[in-house]
C-alpha atoms as a PDB file:
ATOM      1  CA  UNK A   1      50.896  83.741  34.551  1.00  0.00           C
ATOM      2  CA  UNK A   2      51.967  80.411  32.416  1.00  0.00           C
ATOM      3  CA  UNK A   3      53.844  80.145  29.063  1.00  0.00           C
ATOM      4  CA  UNK A   4      52.830  77.893  26.651  1.00  0.00           C
ATOM      5  CA  UNK A   5      54.847  77.384  22.960  1.00  0.00           C
ATOM      6  CA  UNK A   6      53.191  76.220  19.705  1.00  0.00           C
ATOM      7  CA  UNK A   7      54.358  76.085  16.627  1.00  0.00           C
ATOM      8  CA  UNK A   8      53.135  77.770  13.765  1.00  0.00           C
ATOM      9  CA  UNK A   9      54.372  77.548   9.767  1.00  0.00           C
ATOM     10  CA  UNK A  10      56.099  80.507   8.316  1.00  0.00           C
ATOM     11  CA  UNK A  11      52.000  80.818   5.755  1.00  0.00           C
ATOM     12  CA  UNK A  12      50.278  80.457   9.706  1.00  0.00           C
ATOM     13  CA  UNK A  13      52.369  83.134  10.385  1.00  0.00           C
ATOM     14  CA  UNK A  14      51.049  85.689   8.137  1.00  0.00           C
ATOM     15  CA  UNK A  15      47.861  84.562   7.962  1.00  0.00           C
ATOM     16  CA  UNK A  16      46.984  84.781  11.382  1.00  0.00           C
ATOM     17  CA  UNK A  17      48.896  88.381  10.878  1.00  0.00           C
ATOM     18  CA  UNK A  18      51.518  87.892  13.353  1.00  0.00           C
ATOM     19  CA  UNK A  19      54.345  90.396  13.809  1.00  0.00           C
ATOM     20  CA  UNK A  20      55.543  88.549  16.961  1.00  0.00           C
ATOM     21  CA  UNK A  21      57.300  85.540  18.886  1.00  0.00           C
ATOM     22  CA  UNK A  22      55.647  86.590  22.054  1.00  0.00           C
ATOM     23  CA  UNK A  23      51.397  86.874  22.924  1.00  0.00           C
ATOM     24  CA  UNK A  24      49.505  87.410  24.287  1.00  0.00           C
ATOM     25  CA  UNK A  25      46.100  84.681  24.100  1.00  0.00           C
ATOM     26  CA  UNK A  26      43.503  86.898  24.221  1.00  0.00           C
ATOM     27  CA  UNK A  27      45.362  89.001  21.366  1.00  0.00           C
ATOM     28  CA  UNK A  28      46.031  85.300  19.305  1.00  0.00           C
ATOM     29  CA  UNK A  29      42.421  84.439  20.152  1.00  0.00           C
ATOM     30  CA  UNK A  30      41.374  88.223  18.345  1.00  0.00           C
ATOM     31  CA  UNK A  31      43.195  87.017  15.437  1.00  0.00           C
ATOM     32  CA  UNK A  32      42.381  83.580  15.217  1.00  0.00           C
ATOM     33  CA  UNK A  33      38.411  85.228  15.067  1.00  0.00           C
ATOM     34  CA  UNK A  34      39.193  87.335  12.400  1.00  0.00           C
ATOM     35  CA  UNK A  35      40.077  85.317  10.369  1.00  0.00           C
ATOM     36  CA  UNK A  36      37.700  82.675  10.502  1.00  0.00           C
ATOM     37  CA  UNK A  37      34.702  85.691  10.824  1.00  0.00           C
ATOM     38  CA  UNK A  38      36.827  86.675   6.956  1.00  0.00           C
ATOM     39  CA  UNK A  39      36.580  83.502   5.672  1.00  0.00           C
ATOM     40  CA  UNK A  40      33.257  82.582   6.637  1.00  0.00           C
ATOM     41  CA  UNK A  41      32.057  85.723   4.890  1.00  0.00           C
ATOM     42  CA  UNK A  42      34.258  84.565   1.247  1.00  0.00           C
ATOM     43  CA  UNK A  43      31.774  81.749   1.050  1.00  0.00           C
ATOM     44  CA  UNK A  44      28.937  83.069   1.461  1.00  0.00           C
ATOM     45  CA  UNK A  45      28.588  85.834   0.162  1.00  0.00           C
ATOM     46  CA  UNK A  46      30.400  82.606  -2.518  1.00  0.00           C
ATOM     47  CA  UNK A  47      26.588  81.071  -2.164  1.00  0.00           C
ATOM     48  CA  UNK A  48      24.648  84.353  -2.518  1.00  0.00           C
ATOM     49  CA  UNK A  49      26.744  84.395  -5.967  1.00  0.00           C
ATOM     50  CA  UNK A  50      26.581  81.119  -7.534  1.00  0.00           C
ATOM     51  CA  UNK A  51      22.510  80.862  -5.326  1.00  0.00           C
ATOM     52  CA  UNK A  52      21.634  84.147  -7.469  1.00  0.00           C
ATOM     53  CA  UNK A  53      20.905  86.035  -4.044  1.00  0.00           C
ATOM     54  CA  UNK A  54      23.342  88.859  -4.138  1.00  0.00           C
ATOM     55  CA  UNK A  55      21.059  90.006  -7.231  1.00  0.00           C
ATOM     56  CA  UNK A  56      17.950  90.175  -5.130  1.00  0.00           C
ATOM     57  CA  UNK A  57      16.761  94.003  -4.847  1.00  0.00           C
ATOM     58  CA  UNK A  58      15.288  94.958  -1.640  1.00  0.00           C
ATOM     59  CA  UNK A  59      12.317  94.644  -2.001  1.00  0.00           C
ATOM     60  CA  UNK A  60      12.326  90.494  -2.900  1.00  0.00           C
ATOM     61  CA  UNK A  61      14.528  90.104  -0.050  1.00  0.00           C
ATOM     62  CA  UNK A  62      11.870  91.772   2.070  1.00  0.00           C
ATOM     63  CA  UNK A  63       8.976  89.060   0.248  1.00  0.00           C
ATOM     64  CA  UNK A  64      10.842  86.617   0.408  1.00  0.00           C
ATOM     65  CA  UNK A  65      10.457  86.838   4.297  1.00  0.00           C
ATOM     66  CA  UNK A  66       7.208  87.667   4.525  1.00  0.00           C
ATOM     67  CA  UNK A  67       6.680  84.765   2.216  1.00  0.00           C
ATOM     68  CA  UNK A  68       8.849  82.477   4.710  1.00  0.00           C
ATOM     69  CA  UNK A  69       6.811  84.605   7.913  1.00  0.00           C
ATOM     70  CA  UNK A  70       3.223  83.744   6.125  1.00  0.00           C
ATOM     71  CA  UNK A  71       3.548  80.625   4.928  1.00  0.00           C
END
């Protein structure tokens, strides 16, 4: 097995939920993916809010889907 060394700021260390200076690559990858996913969800929620998509009812959503499929 190979070992690499990376440098992170204290803020980055906390952002990725690290609690040790030694971590398996797969664990690090999972932590990074989780942060990226959370940030993407927040951006989607903000975009939905800006465009009022967050207030659509299920019937309105289904109507939009039907319109796209049929049109």
